[in-house]
Protein backbone atom coordinates (compact mmCIF):
# COMPACT_ATOMS: atom_id res chain seq x y z
CA PHE A 1 -42.59 58.54 24.11
CA PHE A 2 -41.35 55.66 26.27
CA TRP A 3 -38.14 55.05 24.30
CA ARG A 4 -37.40 58.78 24.27
CA CYS A 5 -37.75 59.09 28.05
CA PHE A 6 -36.19 55.76 28.90
CA PRO A 7 -33.52 55.05 26.18
CA ASP A 8 -32.14 52.02 28.00
CA GLY A 9 -35.77 50.56 28.51
CA LYS A 10 -35.48 50.79 32.38
CA GLU A 11 -37.82 53.04 34.48
CA LEU A 12 -36.32 54.95 37.40
CA TYR A 13 -38.44 55.90 40.36
CA ASP A 14 -37.97 58.80 42.78
CA LYS A 15 -37.35 57.21 46.23
CA VAL A 16 -39.21 60.02 48.02
CA THR A 17 -42.26 60.62 45.87
CA GLY A 18 -42.39 57.37 43.91
CA LYS A 19 -42.80 59.12 40.65
CA VAL A 20 -41.06 58.01 37.53
CA ILE A 21 -38.01 60.05 36.52
CA CYS A 22 -37.49 60.65 32.89
CA HIS A 23 -33.70 60.31 32.05
CA GLY A 24 -33.61 60.74 28.31
CA ASP A 25 -31.96 63.47 26.33
CA ARG A 26 -33.74 66.74 26.75
CA SER A 27 -33.59 67.79 23.07
CA LEU A 28 -35.07 64.42 22.07
CA LEU A 29 -37.80 64.82 24.55
CA LYS A 30 -38.65 68.33 23.35
CA ASP A 31 -38.70 67.09 19.79
CA GLY A 32 -40.98 64.23 20.76
CA HIS A 33 -43.40 66.60 22.19
CA LYS A 34 -43.50 68.58 19.10
CA SER A 35 -44.84 65.61 17.13
CA PHE A 36 -48.01 65.33 19.20
CA PRO A 37 -51.29 66.55 17.62
CA SER A 38 -52.10 70.26 18.40
CA GLY A 39 -55.00 70.65 20.90
CA HIS A 40 -55.28 74.27 20.03
CA THR A 41 -55.83 73.63 16.46
CA SER A 42 -58.21 70.75 17.09
CA TRP A 43 -60.31 72.79 19.41
CA SER A 44 -60.22 75.91 17.28
CA PHE A 45 -61.42 74.05 14.21
CA ALA A 46 -64.09 72.28 16.32
CA GLY A 47 -65.43 75.46 17.76
CA LEU A 48 -64.94 77.94 14.93
CA GLY A 49 -65.96 75.18 12.30
CA PHE A 50 -69.22 74.88 14.22
CA LEU A 51 -69.55 78.70 14.25
CA ALA A 52 -69.14 78.80 10.51
CA LEU A 53 -71.84 76.17 10.03
CA TYR A 54 -74.16 77.95 12.50
CA LEU A 55 -73.57 81.41 10.65
CA SER A 56 -74.10 79.80 7.23
CA GLY A 57 -77.51 78.62 8.48
CA LYS A 58 -78.53 81.73 10.27
CA ILE A 59 -77.74 84.08 7.34
CA LYS A 60 -78.82 81.59 4.70
CA ALA A 61 -75.44 81.91 2.89
CA PHE A 62 -76.07 79.13 0.44
CA ASN A 63 -79.49 80.01 -1.03
CA GLN A 64 -80.29 81.37 -4.41
CA ARG A 65 -79.68 84.89 -3.30
CA GLY A 66 -76.38 84.21 -1.80
CA HIS A 67 -73.85 87.10 -1.88
CA VAL A 68 -70.05 87.20 -1.64
CA ALA A 69 -70.37 89.05 1.65
CA LYS A 70 -72.31 86.20 3.19
CA LEU A 71 -69.58 83.72 2.20
CA CYS A 72 -66.83 85.91 3.62
CA ILE A 73 -68.75 86.05 6.96
CA VAL A 74 -69.01 82.24 6.86
CA PHE A 75 -65.36 81.58 5.89
CA LEU A 76 -63.96 84.12 8.45
CA PRO A 77 -64.08 81.73 11.41
CA LEU A 78 -62.39 78.99 9.20
CA LEU A 79 -59.72 81.48 8.34
CA PHE A 80 -59.13 82.18 12.07
CA ALA A 81 -58.85 78.53 12.79
CA SER A 82 -56.40 78.09 10.02
CA LEU A 83 -54.33 80.88 11.42
CA ILE A 84 -54.19 79.25 14.73
CA GLY A 85 -52.89 76.15 13.06
CA ILE A 86 -50.32 78.05 11.29
CA SER A 87 -49.16 79.79 14.42
CA ARG A 88 -48.69 76.33 16.05
CA VAL A 89 -46.20 75.41 13.17
CA ASP A 90 -44.64 78.88 12.91
CA ASP A 91 -43.51 78.99 16.59
CA TYR A 92 -42.02 75.39 16.19
CA TRP A 93 -44.45 73.80 18.79
CA HIS A 94 -45.72 71.27 16.30
CA HIS A 95 -44.79 69.62 12.99
CA TRP A 96 -46.98 70.61 10.12
CA GLN A 97 -48.24 66.95 9.74
CA ASP A 98 -49.71 66.99 13.14
CA VAL A 99 -51.57 70.24 12.80
């Protein structure tokens, strides 16, 4: 990120606020932000993945009397988490490798 924001390697500071001023090319900066890992996808897989495990334990999806309907209920949160990840790639906010 440093080389995208400061292509010449020198930091510029605002004289009033003292904050760093990024003087890199806007399109390169936007493209650099796209390569960051997706927080939406990470949180959705963490939360909905836990929900899938919780539901599988509560409805006993993997016992001897397991039914397809139970498995559909368990995999539904994982499907929603996958759709969130796909939406992050589809709207060009992230590269597919980072999702």
